[in-house]
Amino acid sequence: MELVRDGQAPIAHLGPDILVDPFDLDAVIGRARRSDAPTLGELLLEQRVCAGIGNIYKCEALWSL
């Protein structure tokens, strides 16, 4: 599935969509390592790292730790 044909499109800066199959985990890890988010919670909400994780999924993921 191709979400953005034009690299200059308004959503081109977003990270891989978490619901796309196959999910590109390597791209997310690379973006996460380059992120300057100070906490894991903020990293999970950073849409440039991985698009589609909202506050409820962030809370559920962190609660399970």
Foldseek 3Di string as FASTA:
>chain_A
DDDDPDCPDPCNQFAAEPPDPPTDVVQLVVVLVVDPDPDPLVSQCPRSSYNDRDDVNSVVVVVVD
